[in-house]
N, C-alpha and C. Protein backbone atom coordinates (compact mmCIF):
# COMPACT_ATOMS: atom_id res chain seq x y z
N MET A 1 63.19 -12.04 -8.52
CA MET A 1 62.46 -12.71 -9.25
C MET A 1 61.85 -13.90 -7.71
N GLY A 2 62.28 -13.62 -6.98
CA GLY A 2 61.52 -14.21 -5.41
C GLY A 2 60.42 -13.51 -5.48
N GLU A 3 60.13 -12.24 -5.72
CA GLU A 3 58.94 -11.42 -5.36
C GLU A 3 58.00 -11.81 -6.67
N ASN A 4 58.36 -12.09 -7.62
CA ASN A 4 57.31 -13.02 -8.54
C ASN A 4 56.80 -14.08 -8.64
N GLN A 5 57.46 -14.91 -7.95
CA GLN A 5 57.15 -16.07 -7.53
C GLN A 5 56.04 -16.04 -6.49
N THR A 6 56.08 -15.27 -5.37
CA THR A 6 55.30 -14.96 -4.27
C THR A 6 53.91 -14.12 -5.09
N THR A 7 54.16 -13.55 -6.07
CA THR A 7 52.86 -12.87 -6.30
C THR A 7 52.36 -13.98 -7.26
N ARG A 8 52.92 -14.82 -7.92
CA ARG A 8 51.80 -15.85 -8.52
C ARG A 8 51.56 -16.62 -7.51
N ARG A 9 51.93 -17.24 -6.49
CA ARG A 9 51.19 -18.08 -5.49
C ARG A 9 49.92 -17.35 -5.01
N HIS A 10 49.98 -16.02 -4.76
CA HIS A 10 48.79 -15.62 -4.09
C HIS A 10 47.42 -15.27 -5.03
N TRP A 11 47.99 -15.42 -6.51
CA TRP A 11 47.02 -15.19 -7.34
C TRP A 11 46.67 -16.31 -8.34
N HIS A 12 45.55 -16.94 -8.38
CA HIS A 12 45.60 -18.67 -8.97
C HIS A 12 44.37 -18.54 -9.95
N LEU A 13 44.12 -18.48 -11.09
CA LEU A 13 42.65 -18.80 -11.87
C LEU A 13 42.92 -20.18 -12.40
N ASP A 14 41.66 -20.67 -12.15
CA ASP A 14 41.73 -22.03 -12.35
C ASP A 14 40.37 -22.33 -13.35
N LYS A 15 40.33 -22.74 -14.35
CA LYS A 15 39.52 -23.20 -15.50
C LYS A 15 38.26 -23.97 -15.07
N THR A 16 38.35 -24.67 -13.96
CA THR A 16 37.62 -25.83 -13.41
C THR A 16 36.21 -25.01 -12.63
N ILE A 17 35.03 -25.53 -12.52
CA ILE A 17 34.26 -24.89 -11.45
C ILE A 17 33.62 -26.16 -10.39
N SER A 18 34.00 -25.72 -9.34
CA SER A 18 33.63 -26.91 -8.43
C SER A 18 32.43 -27.11 -7.90
N VAL A 19 31.82 -28.53 -7.64
CA VAL A 19 30.51 -28.82 -7.31
C VAL A 19 29.92 -27.71 -6.25
N GLY A 20 30.86 -27.45 -5.29
CA GLY A 20 30.43 -26.64 -4.30
C GLY A 20 29.86 -25.47 -4.32
N HIS A 21 30.68 -25.04 -5.47
CA HIS A 21 30.53 -23.25 -6.00
C HIS A 21 28.92 -23.54 -6.95
N LEU A 22 28.77 -24.37 -7.59
CA LEU A 22 27.53 -24.53 -8.71
C LEU A 22 26.33 -24.60 -7.41
N ILE A 23 26.31 -25.78 -6.85
CA ILE A 23 25.36 -25.57 -5.56
C ILE A 23 24.88 -24.57 -4.85
N SER A 24 26.33 -23.69 -4.12
CA SER A 24 25.94 -22.49 -3.60
C SER A 24 25.53 -21.55 -4.30
N THR A 25 25.62 -21.63 -5.57
CA THR A 25 25.13 -20.46 -6.69
C THR A 25 23.73 -20.53 -7.04
N LEU A 26 23.31 -22.09 -7.25
CA LEU A 26 22.22 -22.42 -7.24
C LEU A 26 21.12 -22.04 -6.18
N VAL A 27 21.39 -22.44 -4.84
CA VAL A 27 21.07 -21.93 -4.02
C VAL A 27 20.75 -20.30 -3.46
N ILE A 28 21.67 -19.61 -3.89
CA ILE A 28 21.10 -18.10 -3.97
C ILE A 28 20.39 -17.81 -5.07
N ALA A 29 20.55 -18.28 -6.00
CA ALA A 29 19.47 -18.14 -7.31
C ALA A 29 18.18 -18.21 -6.88
N ILE A 30 18.10 -19.33 -6.46
CA ILE A 30 16.79 -19.72 -5.81
C ILE A 30 16.31 -18.96 -4.71
N SER A 31 16.85 -18.41 -3.91
CA SER A 31 16.71 -17.60 -2.59
C SER A 31 15.99 -16.32 -3.14
N VAL A 32 16.72 -15.65 -4.53
CA VAL A 32 16.55 -14.51 -4.73
C VAL A 32 15.40 -14.33 -5.78
N ILE A 33 14.98 -15.43 -6.23
CA ILE A 33 13.70 -15.82 -7.12
C ILE A 33 12.58 -15.97 -5.83
N THR A 34 12.81 -16.63 -5.13
CA THR A 34 11.63 -16.73 -4.00
C THR A 34 11.48 -15.53 -3.19
N TRP A 35 12.52 -14.93 -2.98
CA TRP A 35 12.55 -13.40 -2.31
C TRP A 35 11.60 -12.67 -3.55
N ALA A 36 12.19 -12.62 -4.46
CA ALA A 36 11.07 -11.66 -5.45
C ALA A 36 9.68 -12.01 -5.43
N GLY A 37 9.38 -13.40 -5.36
CA GLY A 37 7.99 -13.70 -5.63
C GLY A 37 7.09 -13.18 -4.56
N SER A 38 7.99 -13.26 -3.25
CA SER A 38 7.33 -12.91 -2.12
C SER A 38 7.04 -11.62 -2.20
N ILE A 39 7.88 -10.55 -2.62
CA ILE A 39 7.63 -9.19 -2.85
C ILE A 39 6.55 -8.76 -3.41
N ASP A 40 6.48 -9.94 -4.79
CA ASP A 40 5.31 -9.44 -5.88
C ASP A 40 4.30 -9.51 -5.06
N ARG A 41 4.24 -10.80 -4.20
CA ARG A 41 3.14 -11.06 -3.61
C ARG A 41 2.50 -10.02 -2.53
N ARG A 42 3.37 -9.31 -1.91
CA ARG A 42 3.16 -8.37 -0.79
C ARG A 42 2.78 -7.18 -1.39
N VAL A 43 3.32 -7.00 -2.68
CA VAL A 43 2.81 -5.76 -3.21
C VAL A 43 1.52 -5.70 -4.03
N GLU A 44 1.08 -6.89 -4.49
CA GLU A 44 -0.18 -7.19 -4.83
C GLU A 44 -1.20 -7.12 -3.94
N GLN A 45 -1.09 -7.73 -2.49
CA GLN A 45 -1.96 -7.56 -1.68
C GLN A 45 -2.09 -6.18 -1.06
N ASN A 46 -1.07 -5.31 -1.01
CA ASN A 46 -1.12 -3.75 -0.74
C ASN A 46 -1.96 -3.17 -1.59
N ALA A 47 -2.05 -3.31 -3.00
CA ALA A 47 -2.43 -2.92 -3.95
C ALA A 47 -3.98 -2.99 -4.02
N LEU A 48 -4.22 -4.39 -3.53
CA LEU A 48 -5.72 -4.60 -3.39
C LEU A 48 -6.21 -3.84 -1.77
N ALA A 49 -5.46 -3.70 -1.15
CA ALA A 49 -5.53 -3.15 0.42
C ALA A 49 -5.88 -1.90 0.23
N VAL A 50 -5.16 -1.14 -0.80
CA VAL A 50 -5.40 0.23 -1.06
C VAL A 50 -6.56 0.39 -1.82
N LYS A 51 -6.92 -0.38 -2.46
CA LYS A 51 -8.09 -0.25 -3.51
C LYS A 51 -9.15 -0.52 -2.38
N TYR A 52 -9.58 -1.63 -1.67
CA TYR A 52 -10.41 -1.44 -0.78
C TYR A 52 -10.76 -0.16 0.01
N LEU A 53 -9.65 0.35 0.49
CA LEU A 53 -9.56 1.66 1.45
C LEU A 53 -10.17 2.69 0.56
N ASN A 54 -9.98 2.86 -0.63
CA ASN A 54 -10.42 3.91 -1.31
C ASN A 54 -11.98 3.55 -1.78
N GLU A 55 -12.41 2.44 -2.04
CA GLU A 55 -13.86 2.09 -1.98
C GLU A 55 -14.74 2.45 -0.93
N GLU A 56 -14.23 1.97 0.29
CA GLU A 56 -14.44 2.27 1.79
C GLU A 56 -14.70 3.78 1.69
N GLN A 57 -13.40 4.70 1.44
CA GLN A 57 -13.66 5.96 1.52
C GLN A 57 -14.83 6.44 1.09
N VAL A 58 -15.28 6.23 -0.30
CA VAL A 58 -16.13 6.71 -1.06
C VAL A 58 -17.11 6.60 -0.50
N GLN A 59 -17.68 5.28 -0.05
CA GLN A 59 -18.98 4.93 0.46
C GLN A 59 -18.85 5.70 1.87
N GLN A 60 -18.08 6.04 2.70
CA GLN A 60 -18.15 6.80 3.76
C GLN A 60 -18.37 8.22 3.38
N ARG A 61 -17.81 8.95 2.54
CA ARG A 61 -18.20 10.09 1.84
C ARG A 61 -19.71 10.31 1.50
N GLN A 62 -20.28 9.32 0.73
CA GLN A 62 -21.57 9.11 0.29
C GLN A 62 -23.05 9.01 1.53
N ARG A 63 -22.27 8.38 2.62
CA ARG A 63 -22.98 8.28 3.85
C ARG A 63 -23.06 9.62 4.52
N ILE A 64 -21.83 10.40 4.86
CA ILE A 64 -21.84 11.74 5.21
C ILE A 64 -22.44 12.65 4.28
N ASP A 65 -22.46 12.35 3.20
CA ASP A 65 -23.35 13.81 2.03
C ASP A 65 -24.66 13.46 2.60
N ALA A 66 -25.17 12.06 2.63
CA ALA A 66 -26.62 11.47 2.78
C ALA A 66 -26.88 12.36 4.54
N VAL A 67 -26.12 12.31 5.20
CA VAL A 67 -26.54 12.51 6.57
C VAL A 67 -26.57 14.25 6.62
N ARG A 68 -25.78 14.68 5.90
CA ARG A 68 -25.32 16.10 5.73
C ARG A 68 -26.69 16.87 5.32
N ASN A 69 -27.29 16.11 3.93
CA ASN A 69 -28.53 16.60 3.57
C ASN A 69 -29.85 16.59 4.16
N GLU A 70 -29.65 15.46 4.96
CA GLU A 70 -31.03 15.42 5.74
C GLU A 70 -30.63 16.37 6.47
N ILE A 71 -29.61 16.57 7.57
CA ILE A 71 -29.89 17.48 8.60
C ILE A 71 -29.98 19.12 8.07
N LYS A 72 -29.58 18.81 6.87
CA LYS A 72 -30.07 20.53 5.95
C LYS A 72 -31.41 20.49 5.89
N THR A 73 -31.98 19.32 5.26
CA THR A 73 -33.24 19.21 5.40
C THR A 73 -34.17 19.33 7.01
N ASP A 74 -33.80 18.92 7.81
CA ASP A 74 -34.47 18.91 8.98
C ASP A 74 -34.22 20.59 9.41
N LEU A 75 -33.28 21.15 9.04
CA LEU A 75 -33.10 22.29 9.67
C LEU A 75 -33.96 23.43 9.14
N ARG A 76 -33.84 22.92 7.50
CA ARG A 76 -35.05 23.92 7.00
C ARG A 76 -36.50 24.06 7.15
N ALA A 77 -36.89 22.36 7.56
CA ALA A 77 -38.20 22.44 8.23
C ALA A 77 -38.43 23.31 9.45
N ILE A 78 -37.43 23.25 10.58
CA ILE A 78 -37.53 23.73 11.83
C ILE A 78 -37.18 25.25 11.28
N ASN A 79 -36.68 25.62 10.50
CA ASN A 79 -36.54 27.00 10.26
C ASN A 79 -38.18 27.55 9.84
N ASP A 80 -38.77 26.66 9.06
CA ASP A 80 -40.09 27.04 8.24
C ASP A 80 -41.00 27.07 9.57
N LYS A 81 -41.25 25.88 10.49
CA LYS A 81 -41.64 26.29 11.45
C LYS A 81 -41.72 27.18 12.50
N LEU A 82 -40.26 27.73 12.70
CA LEU A 82 -39.79 28.71 13.64
C LEU A 82 -40.86 30.26 13.02
N ASP A 83 -40.21 30.38 11.42
CA ASP A 83 -40.95 31.30 11.05
C ASP A 83 -42.60 31.38 11.00
N ARG A 84 -43.20 30.36 10.78
CA ARG A 84 -44.85 30.03 11.14
C ARG A 84 -45.17 30.74 12.51
N LEU A 85 -44.19 30.30 13.60
CA LEU A 85 -44.65 30.36 14.89
C LEU A 85 -44.50 32.09 15.18
N ILE A 86 -43.14 32.71 14.61
CA ILE A 86 -43.16 33.53 14.68
C ILE A 86 -44.08 35.04 14.18
N GLU A 87 -44.39 34.29 12.76
CA GLU A 87 -45.76 35.26 12.30
C GLU A 87 -46.78 35.03 13.19
N ARG A 88 -47.42 33.82 13.59
CA ARG A 88 -48.37 33.86 14.19
C ARG A 88 -48.60 34.62 15.39
N GLN A 89 -47.31 35.01 16.15
CA GLN A 89 -47.18 35.64 17.30
C GLN A 89 -47.06 37.28 17.04
N SER A 90 -46.88 37.27 15.73
CA SER A 90 -46.85 38.96 15.50
C SER A 90 -48.05 39.23 15.04
N ASP A 91 -48.98 38.43 14.54
CA ASP A 91 -50.10 38.57 14.13
C ASP A 91 -51.20 38.93 15.32
N ARG A 92 -50.99 38.33 16.70
CA ARG A 92 -51.54 38.64 17.68
C ARG A 92 -51.70 39.78 18.15
């Protein structure tokens, strides 16, 4: 019976809730909500950054394509001029 009494002393359930427990639970809940809100803001900021980077990448591709086309046009013009010079040299 002595062993049964020591077990009862170690485990004690109470139907009351202490004010300290309520306050600490509220503080934890508010902290979790604040943390989740900050995570949401950071995710939104990252999504905007990714969207901006995608748009920037598209613009860079367009500029590169424009420069590439300009270089091709210039090379064709140079090629035509060289062909004409070679034809003139061969005609002499």
